[in-house]
Amino acid sequence: MKYTVALLLIFLQACNKNDLLKEKQGTAIIVPETPGDMQALLDNEDVFGPTTSLNFICGDEFYFADTALSDLKQSIVNAYLHKDFLFDKEEEVSDWNNGYTQAYYANNVLEGIARLRGSIDDKILDPLEGDAWFKRSFAFFNVAQVFALPYDSLTADDEQGIPLRLTIRQNEVLARSSVAATYKEIIDDLGKAIQLLPPTIELVHRNRSSRPAAYALLARVYLSMGAYNDALDAANRSLALYDSLINFNTGIVSSSTPFSATNAETLYQSTVSNTDALYEKIALREVFVDSTLLAEYKVGDLRRTVFFSRSSPATFKPGYYGKLTPFTGLAMAELYLIISECYARQGDVNTAMFYLNKLLKSRWKTGQYIPYTAATPEIALTIILLERRKELIFRGLRYTDVRRLNKKQPLLTLSRTMQGYTYVLLPNSWRYALPIPEQVLRFNNRIEQNKY
């Protein structure tokens, strides 16, 4: 049978492994039957835990040891070196597959809940439905950061976004939506989630979303679009519901695993996909911190030892996921930096510096932090964007930041040097949208390839 989105068969096989999705006789539509089924599906971290890894590969926060490149897939090497390329015909691309698996699971829950409305208390169903909307939105957003060009209000209606799988129907005809339609769906899903999710986070289950997490994701989405007023509003709404910063002076500096998965700053847990070799290379200590960025952490800044090893060259320590796999979820520091940046863009320098300084005071040795001041919004923004790079390093956000920041001056060029040759990714290049996997195009000829 031919499916309109590649690898749907894999989704069905994954569902069968845990016996939580049951295929109805006479159909191929698989649906959960009880709230317990739905909760177990949404709690499946093998499905919903991984996000994307190619945005890490394409960024400028780390470099591979030259010896590490020899046993990587050619597509990973090509992405790392910013080359023009296509995925191999039989290559499974986890960044695509994970996102659409997540959307498929979320759609199963949404359709299951629709059948149960009226027969089961809304108080039971609402948080499940809200989490499904949240997780589908997050999946679409992550896929869009890799396989679609960044949002630009001047061109979003004309540029190609991603396919939006909104049902579990096998015959759903899918083509690529526009960038504008892609982001509209992401935002609409989050709007529905916000109406249904609880206002408090689950301290034990950080893989379950909440209203603060949904607002935080909405702030991330709006920031990526350059919609700074909307991003500020969403971030402030999240912060009003939950506000907790970790003081880095409280014994975590020397730890090899500074954070637990349930640390006080995390709103929602997710991690980089471990199927594209990035995690393996981190574990083998073949992924090193960019030395120029590392030099920006000054004496007294505890992040230098909390985030990185003391080795030379420095490697990354486990982050907010509690393991070596990099954290890609939602946490407090990102909110503070979004608020600070957006106030600076509004010209409110004092408020921008207030939020930045409150965050950074918790990151420096007690008594050594000298608060930032700025004479102009432009100076404030320069300071904030550098601190954003330093605080949110290895979170999967840098590539998205470069994409959005290149819409205005100063323009940023990404580069890699290997064996004496420098490879560059120019600002606003078509290569900021990686090629659609060849498997997808074979399954559905309605989906068009990116410009390469």
Protein backbone atom coordinates (compact mmCIF):
# COMPACT_ATOMS: atom_id res chain seq x y z
CA MET A 1 0.00 0.00 0.00
CA LYS A 2 1.29 3.47 -0.86
CA TYR A 3 1.13 6.15 1.80
CA THR A 4 1.19 9.85 1.20
CA VAL A 5 3.89 10.46 3.78
CA ALA A 6 6.97 8.27 3.60
CA LEU A 7 7.54 5.66 6.27
CA LEU A 8 4.02 5.60 7.66
CA LEU A 9 4.51 1.84 7.80
CA ILE A 10 7.26 2.42 10.33
CA PHE A 11 4.84 4.46 12.42
CA LEU A 12 2.37 1.58 12.48
CA GLN A 13 5.05 -0.91 13.41
CA ALA A 14 6.20 1.34 16.23
CA CYS A 15 2.65 1.53 17.52
CA ASN A 16 2.28 -2.26 17.54
CA LYS A 17 5.31 -2.64 19.80
CA ASN A 18 3.59 -1.31 22.87
CA ASP A 19 0.06 -2.70 22.29
CA LEU A 20 -1.44 0.68 23.08
CA LEU A 21 -2.72 1.37 19.59
CA LYS A 22 -5.18 -1.24 18.39
CA GLU A 23 -6.07 -1.78 14.75
CA LYS A 24 -9.82 -1.92 14.26
CA GLN A 25 -11.04 -4.92 12.30
CA GLY A 26 -11.75 -4.09 8.70
CA THR A 27 -9.68 -0.90 8.71
CA ALA A 28 -6.05 0.10 8.89
CA ILE A 29 -6.74 3.03 11.18
CA ILE A 30 -5.16 2.53 14.57
CA VAL A 31 -6.66 4.32 17.55
CA PRO A 32 -6.22 4.35 21.33
CA GLU A 33 -9.37 3.38 23.21
CA THR A 34 -9.06 4.69 26.79
CA PRO A 35 -7.58 7.74 28.54
CA GLY A 36 -4.97 5.38 29.96
CA ASP A 37 -3.98 4.32 26.44
CA MET A 38 -3.70 7.95 25.41
CA GLN A 39 -1.62 8.92 28.42
CA ALA A 40 0.76 6.02 27.80
CA LEU A 41 1.14 7.05 24.16
CA LEU A 42 1.89 10.66 25.04
CA ASP A 43 4.35 9.55 27.75
CA ASN A 44 6.30 7.39 25.29
CA GLU A 45 9.69 9.08 25.40
CA ASP A 46 11.08 6.83 22.68
CA VAL A 47 8.61 8.57 20.36
CA PHE A 48 8.25 12.08 21.77
CA GLY A 49 11.65 12.52 23.42
CA PRO A 50 13.83 12.96 20.29
CA THR A 51 13.74 16.13 18.23
CA THR A 52 16.13 17.04 15.39
CA SER A 53 19.90 16.73 15.09
CA LEU A 54 20.68 18.24 11.68
CA ASN A 55 20.18 21.72 13.10
CA PHE A 56 23.06 20.93 15.50
CA ILE A 57 25.15 19.54 12.65
CA CYS A 58 24.62 22.68 10.55
CA GLY A 59 25.24 25.18 13.35
CA ASP A 60 28.46 26.77 14.51
CA GLU A 61 28.71 25.77 18.18
CA PHE A 62 30.95 22.71 17.84
CA TYR A 63 33.29 20.91 15.50
CA PHE A 64 34.01 17.25 14.90
CA ALA A 65 37.50 15.88 15.18
CA ASP A 66 38.68 15.24 11.62
CA THR A 67 38.98 11.54 12.43
CA ALA A 68 35.30 11.45 13.38
CA LEU A 69 34.11 12.35 9.89
CA SER A 70 35.44 9.19 8.26
CA ASP A 71 32.73 6.91 9.66
CA LEU A 72 29.78 9.30 9.47
CA LYS A 73 27.08 9.02 6.82
CA GLN A 74 27.94 11.11 3.79
CA SER A 75 24.78 13.17 4.22
CA ILE A 76 25.88 14.15 7.73
CA VAL A 77 29.31 15.15 6.48
CA ASN A 78 27.75 17.15 3.65
CA ALA A 79 25.38 18.96 6.03
CA TYR A 80 28.25 19.62 8.44
CA LEU A 81 30.33 21.16 5.64
CA HIS A 82 27.38 23.14 4.23
CA LYS A 83 27.58 21.35 0.87
CA ASP A 84 24.86 20.90 -1.72
CA PHE A 85 23.61 17.34 -1.40
CA LEU A 86 20.69 14.94 -1.56
CA PHE A 87 20.03 12.07 0.82
CA ASP A 88 20.61 8.58 -0.53
CA LYS A 89 17.56 6.90 -2.02
CA GLU A 90 17.24 4.33 0.78
CA GLU A 91 18.45 6.58 3.60
CA GLU A 92 16.18 6.91 6.61
CA VAL A 93 16.34 10.47 7.91
CA SER A 94 15.46 10.56 11.58
CA ASP A 95 14.79 14.31 11.67
CA TRP A 96 11.92 13.76 9.25
CA ASN A 97 10.75 10.39 10.53
CA ASN A 98 10.69 11.40 14.20
CA GLY A 99 8.61 14.49 13.53
CA TYR A 100 5.96 12.70 11.50
CA THR A 101 5.87 9.76 13.89
CA GLN A 102 5.11 12.25 16.65
CA ALA A 103 2.42 13.92 14.56
CA TYR A 104 0.86 10.54 13.80
CA TYR A 105 0.76 9.56 17.48
CA ALA A 106 -0.68 12.95 18.43
CA ASN A 107 -3.36 12.64 15.75
CA ASN A 108 -4.30 9.22 17.08
CA VAL A 109 -4.83 10.70 20.52
CA LEU A 110 -6.82 13.64 19.16
CA GLU A 111 -9.14 11.40 17.21
CA GLY A 112 -9.52 9.05 20.16
CA ILE A 113 -10.46 11.93 22.45
CA ALA A 114 -13.02 13.20 19.96
CA ARG A 115 -14.83 9.87 20.26
CA LEU A 116 -14.77 9.93 24.06
CA ARG A 117 -16.10 13.47 24.53
CA GLY A 118 -19.41 13.36 26.33
CA SER A 119 -18.81 9.94 27.88
CA ILE A 120 -15.77 10.81 30.02
CA ASP A 121 -15.20 13.84 32.25
CA ASP A 122 -13.59 16.77 30.43
CA LYS A 123 -11.21 17.19 33.37
CA ILE A 124 -9.65 13.87 32.39
CA LEU A 125 -9.60 14.48 28.64
CA ASP A 126 -8.57 18.15 28.52
CA PRO A 127 -4.92 17.73 29.59
CA LEU A 128 -4.51 14.77 27.25
CA GLU A 129 -5.90 16.69 24.30
CA GLY A 130 -3.84 19.74 25.21
CA ASP A 131 -0.66 17.64 25.35
CA ALA A 132 -1.44 16.14 21.94
CA TRP A 133 -1.90 19.59 20.37
CA PHE A 134 1.35 20.73 22.02
CA LYS A 135 3.33 17.72 20.84
CA ARG A 136 2.05 17.98 17.27
CA SER A 137 2.94 21.67 17.21
CA PHE A 138 6.43 20.96 18.55
CA ALA A 139 6.93 18.23 15.94
CA PHE A 140 5.91 20.47 13.05
CA PHE A 141 8.06 23.33 14.33
CA ASN A 142 11.16 21.15 14.63
CA VAL A 143 10.72 19.68 11.15
CA ALA A 144 10.26 23.18 9.73
CA GLN A 145 13.58 24.34 11.22
CA VAL A 146 15.43 21.78 9.12
CA PHE A 147 13.42 21.23 5.92
CA ALA A 148 11.80 24.62 5.24
CA LEU A 149 13.23 28.10 4.85
CA PRO A 150 12.86 30.47 7.81
CA TYR A 151 9.71 32.53 8.15
CA ASP A 152 9.77 35.87 6.37
CA SER A 153 6.53 37.85 6.36
CA LEU A 154 7.33 39.19 2.87
CA THR A 155 7.68 35.76 1.26
CA ALA A 156 5.98 33.27 3.62
CA ASP A 157 2.89 32.87 1.44
CA ASP A 158 4.99 31.90 -1.57
CA GLU A 159 7.76 29.72 -0.08
CA GLN A 160 7.27 26.04 0.59
CA GLY A 161 6.88 24.87 4.15
CA ILE A 162 6.31 21.27 5.23
CA PRO A 163 3.49 18.74 4.73
CA LEU A 164 0.99 18.97 7.58
CA ARG A 165 -0.41 15.58 8.53
CA LEU A 166 -3.56 16.48 10.45
CA THR A 167 -5.41 13.14 10.50
CA ILE A 168 -4.65 9.42 10.64
CA ARG A 169 -6.42 8.71 7.35
CA GLN A 170 -4.29 6.61 5.04
CA ASN A 171 -5.66 8.38 2.00
CA GLU A 172 -4.97 11.89 3.29
CA VAL A 173 -3.49 13.67 0.29
CA LEU A 174 -0.48 15.66 1.39
CA ALA A 175 1.61 18.23 -0.37
CA ARG A 176 3.89 20.87 1.09
CA SER A 177 2.03 23.76 2.63
CA SER A 178 3.41 27.27 2.40
CA VAL A 179 5.71 28.59 5.12
CA ALA A 180 2.86 30.88 6.21
CA ALA A 181 0.43 27.95 6.49
CA THR A 182 3.03 25.87 8.34
CA TYR A 183 3.51 28.46 11.03
CA LYS A 184 -0.19 29.21 11.24
CA GLU A 185 -0.84 25.54 12.03
CA ILE A 186 1.94 25.47 14.62
CA ILE A 187 0.50 28.55 16.34
CA ASP A 188 -3.11 27.36 16.07
CA ASP A 189 -2.19 24.02 17.66
CA LEU A 190 -0.50 25.83 20.53
CA GLY A 191 -3.52 28.09 20.99
CA LYS A 192 -5.69 25.01 21.45
CA ALA A 193 -3.15 23.48 23.82
CA ILE A 194 -3.08 26.59 26.01
CA GLN A 195 -6.84 26.47 26.47
CA LEU A 196 -6.73 22.86 27.69
CA LEU A 197 -3.46 22.34 29.56
CA PRO A 198 -3.09 22.72 33.34
CA PRO A 199 -1.51 25.96 34.61
CA THR A 200 1.15 24.09 36.61
CA ILE A 201 3.96 21.85 35.42
CA GLU A 202 4.18 18.24 36.55
CA LEU A 203 7.36 18.20 38.62
CA VAL A 204 7.93 14.47 38.07
CA HIS A 205 6.69 14.11 34.49
CA ARG A 206 8.56 16.80 32.55
CA ASN A 207 7.68 15.05 29.29
CA ARG A 208 4.09 16.15 29.83
CA SER A 209 3.35 19.66 28.67
CA SER A 210 1.62 22.39 30.63
CA ARG A 211 0.33 25.88 30.02
CA PRO A 212 3.69 27.48 30.96
CA ALA A 213 5.43 25.11 28.53
CA ALA A 214 2.95 25.88 25.74
CA TYR A 215 3.44 29.63 26.20
CA ALA A 216 7.21 29.08 26.22
CA LEU A 217 7.05 27.15 22.95
CA LEU A 218 4.81 29.83 21.49
CA ALA A 219 7.42 32.43 22.48
CA ARG A 220 10.12 30.35 20.73
CA VAL A 221 7.99 30.09 17.59
CA TYR A 222 7.21 33.80 17.46
CA LEU A 223 10.86 34.68 18.07
CA SER A 224 11.89 32.47 15.13
CA MET A 225 9.40 34.40 12.98
CA GLY A 226 10.73 37.79 14.06
CA ALA A 227 7.34 38.54 15.65
CA TYR A 228 8.97 40.08 18.71
CA ASN A 229 5.95 41.70 20.33
CA ASP A 230 4.05 38.41 20.21
CA ALA A 231 7.10 36.54 21.50
CA LEU A 232 7.34 38.93 24.45
CA ASP A 233 3.69 38.51 25.31
CA ALA A 234 3.91 34.70 25.23
CA ALA A 235 7.13 34.63 27.27
CA ASN A 236 5.70 36.95 29.91
CA ARG A 237 2.57 34.78 30.18
CA SER A 238 4.74 31.70 30.71
CA LEU A 239 6.90 33.44 33.31
CA ALA A 240 3.79 34.59 35.19
CA LEU A 241 2.82 30.93 35.68
CA TYR A 242 6.25 29.48 36.55
CA ASP A 243 9.51 31.21 37.43
CA SER A 244 12.51 29.36 38.84
CA LEU A 245 16.22 29.87 38.18
CA ILE A 246 18.99 27.55 39.37
CA ASN A 247 21.77 29.31 41.26
CA PHE A 248 24.94 27.85 39.77
CA ASN A 249 26.74 28.53 43.07
CA THR A 250 24.86 25.67 44.74
CA GLY A 251 27.32 22.87 44.24
CA ILE A 252 26.77 21.91 40.59
CA VAL A 253 29.96 23.44 39.18
CA SER A 254 32.26 20.48 39.78
CA SER A 255 29.70 17.81 38.95
CA SER A 256 30.12 15.75 35.80
CA THR A 257 26.30 15.63 35.56
CA PRO A 258 25.21 19.07 36.80
CA PHE A 259 21.48 18.72 36.10
CA SER A 260 18.80 16.12 36.61
CA ALA A 261 15.96 15.60 34.14
CA THR A 262 13.58 17.12 36.70
CA ASN A 263 15.66 20.20 37.48
CA ALA A 264 13.88 23.34 38.63
CA GLU A 265 14.32 25.26 35.36
CA THR A 266 12.89 22.74 32.91
CA LEU A 267 9.36 23.28 31.62
CA TYR A 268 9.38 20.45 29.07
CA GLN A 269 11.92 17.73 28.36
CA SER A 270 13.15 16.68 24.94
CA THR A 271 16.52 15.80 23.49
CA VAL A 272 18.41 15.59 20.24
CA SER A 273 17.82 12.51 18.13
CA ASN A 274 20.52 9.92 18.82
CA THR A 275 20.25 8.21 15.45
CA ASP A 276 22.47 10.54 13.40
CA ALA A 277 25.71 9.80 15.25
CA LEU A 278 25.94 13.10 17.12
CA TYR A 279 25.35 11.45 20.50
CA GLU A 280 27.85 8.70 19.72
CA LYS A 281 30.51 11.24 18.81
CA ILE A 282 29.81 13.23 21.98
CA ALA A 283 30.22 10.07 24.06
CA LEU A 284 33.51 9.30 22.25
CA ARG A 285 34.70 12.87 22.97
CA GLU A 286 35.01 13.69 19.28
CA VAL A 287 32.74 16.76 19.48
CA PHE A 288 34.51 19.90 20.67
CA VAL A 289 33.32 23.34 21.70
CA ASP A 290 34.01 26.21 19.31
CA SER A 291 37.09 27.85 20.83
CA THR A 292 36.13 31.41 19.87
CA LEU A 293 32.82 31.10 21.67
CA LEU A 294 34.45 29.39 24.65
CA ALA A 295 36.73 32.41 25.09
CA GLU A 296 33.66 34.59 25.67
CA TYR A 297 33.07 33.00 29.11
CA LYS A 298 35.01 35.27 31.47
CA VAL A 299 36.59 34.60 34.86
CA GLY A 300 33.80 34.26 37.41
CA ASP A 301 31.27 32.92 34.90
CA LEU A 302 30.32 29.51 36.28
CA ARG A 303 28.87 28.40 32.96
CA ARG A 304 32.41 27.72 31.74
CA THR A 305 32.69 24.76 34.11
CA VAL A 306 29.01 23.83 34.40
CA PHE A 307 28.53 23.47 30.63
CA PHE A 308 31.96 22.21 29.52
CA SER A 309 34.76 19.87 30.52
CA ARG A 310 38.14 21.16 31.67
CA SER A 311 39.86 19.21 28.90
CA SER A 312 41.59 20.88 25.98
CA PRO A 313 39.89 21.06 23.56
CA ALA A 314 36.79 21.32 25.72
CA THR A 315 33.85 18.96 25.33
CA PHE A 316 30.22 19.33 26.37
CA LYS A 317 28.98 18.09 29.74
CA PRO A 318 25.47 16.65 30.23
CA GLY A 319 22.88 19.41 30.18
CA TYR A 320 19.29 19.84 31.27
CA TYR A 321 18.29 16.40 29.99
CA GLY A 322 20.51 14.85 32.67
CA LYS A 323 22.46 12.83 30.10
CA LEU A 324 25.05 13.44 27.39
CA THR A 325 22.30 13.78 24.81
CA PRO A 326 21.79 17.54 24.37
CA PHE A 327 18.65 19.12 25.80
CA THR A 328 16.26 20.61 23.23
CA GLY A 329 13.26 21.24 25.46
CA LEU A 330 11.93 24.38 27.10
CA ALA A 331 13.47 26.00 30.15
CA MET A 332 13.55 29.23 32.11
CA ALA A 333 16.76 30.79 30.81
CA GLU A 334 15.39 30.84 27.28
CA LEU A 335 12.33 32.73 28.50
CA TYR A 336 14.46 35.33 30.29
CA LEU A 337 16.53 35.87 27.16
CA ILE A 338 13.49 36.14 24.91
CA ILE A 339 11.98 38.74 27.24
CA SER A 340 15.24 40.64 27.45
CA GLU A 341 15.76 40.66 23.67
CA CYS A 342 12.21 41.71 22.92
CA TYR A 343 12.28 44.60 25.39
CA ALA A 344 15.53 45.77 23.80
CA ARG A 345 13.90 45.65 20.38
CA GLN A 346 11.07 47.79 21.78
CA GLY A 347 13.64 50.31 23.00
CA ASP A 348 13.08 49.57 26.71
CA VAL A 349 16.73 49.17 27.66
CA ASN A 350 16.26 49.25 31.43
CA THR A 351 13.75 46.41 31.48
CA ALA A 352 15.81 44.43 28.98
CA MET A 353 18.88 44.71 31.20
CA PHE A 354 16.86 43.89 34.33
CA TYR A 355 15.87 40.46 32.99
CA LEU A 356 19.32 39.76 31.57
CA ASN A 357 21.07 40.68 34.81
CA LYS A 358 18.67 38.65 36.93
CA LEU A 359 19.49 35.58 34.85
CA LEU A 360 23.25 36.13 34.75
CA LYS A 361 23.55 36.82 38.47
CA SER A 362 22.49 33.21 39.03
CA ARG A 363 25.28 32.03 36.68
CA TRP A 364 28.27 33.87 38.17
CA LYS A 365 30.28 33.35 41.32
CA THR A 366 28.64 35.11 44.23
CA GLY A 367 29.81 38.70 44.48
CA GLN A 368 31.70 38.73 41.17
CA TYR A 369 28.98 39.59 38.70
CA ILE A 370 28.96 43.19 37.48
CA PRO A 371 25.52 44.00 36.02
CA TYR A 372 25.36 44.99 32.39
CA THR A 373 24.29 48.48 31.40
CA ALA A 374 23.61 49.77 27.90
CA ALA A 375 23.33 53.30 26.58
CA THR A 376 21.22 52.41 23.55
CA PRO A 377 18.87 49.62 22.42
CA GLU A 378 21.44 48.62 19.79
CA ILE A 379 24.15 48.11 22.41
CA ALA A 380 21.71 46.23 24.63
CA LEU A 381 20.76 43.94 21.77
CA THR A 382 24.39 43.15 20.97
CA ILE A 383 25.00 42.18 24.60
CA ILE A 384 21.83 40.11 24.85
CA LEU A 385 22.44 38.15 21.64
CA LEU A 386 25.95 37.21 22.76
CA GLU A 387 24.66 36.10 26.15
CA ARG A 388 21.94 34.12 24.37
CA ARG A 389 24.63 32.22 22.47
CA LYS A 390 26.55 31.54 25.68
CA GLU A 391 23.58 30.53 27.82
CA LEU A 392 21.67 28.45 25.26
CA ILE A 393 24.63 26.72 23.69
CA PHE A 394 23.95 23.21 22.42
CA ARG A 395 20.18 23.49 22.83
CA GLY A 396 19.39 23.22 19.11
CA LEU A 397 18.52 26.92 18.95
CA ARG A 398 21.57 28.48 17.33
CA TYR A 399 20.74 27.40 13.76
CA THR A 400 17.21 28.80 14.11
CA ASP A 401 18.68 32.01 15.53
CA VAL A 402 21.07 32.45 12.61
CA ARG A 403 18.20 31.87 10.17
CA ARG A 404 16.04 34.58 11.74
CA LEU A 405 18.84 37.07 12.49
CA ASN A 406 20.00 37.01 8.88
CA LYS A 407 16.78 38.71 7.88
CA LYS A 408 18.34 41.96 9.12
CA GLN A 409 21.85 43.37 9.50
CA PRO A 410 24.43 42.35 10.54
CA LEU A 411 24.41 39.21 8.41
CA LEU A 412 25.94 35.99 9.73
CA THR A 413 27.95 33.53 7.65
CA LEU A 414 28.43 29.99 8.96
CA SER A 415 31.70 28.26 8.10
CA ARG A 416 33.58 25.02 8.65
CA THR A 417 37.24 24.33 8.02
CA MET A 418 38.49 20.84 7.26
CA GLN A 419 41.92 19.84 6.00
CA GLY A 420 42.74 23.46 5.24
CA TYR A 421 39.63 24.16 3.19
CA THR A 422 36.83 26.42 4.43
CA TYR A 423 33.21 25.71 3.57
CA VAL A 424 30.65 28.49 4.02
CA LEU A 425 26.90 28.89 4.30
CA LEU A 426 26.04 32.39 3.16
CA PRO A 427 23.25 34.47 4.75
CA ASN A 428 19.74 33.67 3.50
CA SER A 429 21.00 30.85 1.29
CA TRP A 430 18.53 28.32 -0.11
CA ARG A 431 20.67 25.75 1.71
CA TYR A 432 19.09 26.78 5.02
CA ALA A 433 16.36 24.34 4.00
CA LEU A 434 17.92 20.88 3.81
CA PRO A 435 16.76 18.50 1.09
CA ILE A 436 13.58 16.50 1.57
CA PRO A 437 14.51 12.81 2.06
CA GLU A 438 14.46 10.82 -1.17
CA GLN A 439 12.26 8.16 0.45
CA VAL A 440 9.56 10.78 0.98
CA LEU A 441 9.61 11.85 -2.65
CA ARG A 442 9.34 8.24 -3.83
CA PHE A 443 6.25 7.66 -1.73
CA ASN A 444 4.53 10.88 -2.68
CA ASN A 445 5.17 12.74 -5.91
CA ARG A 446 3.06 15.67 -4.69
CA ILE A 447 5.88 16.70 -2.36
CA GLU A 448 8.43 18.88 -4.11
CA GLN A 449 12.15 18.90 -3.42
CA ASN A 450 13.86 21.96 -1.99
CA LYS A 451 15.94 24.06 -4.34
CA TYR A 452 19.36 22.43 -4.73
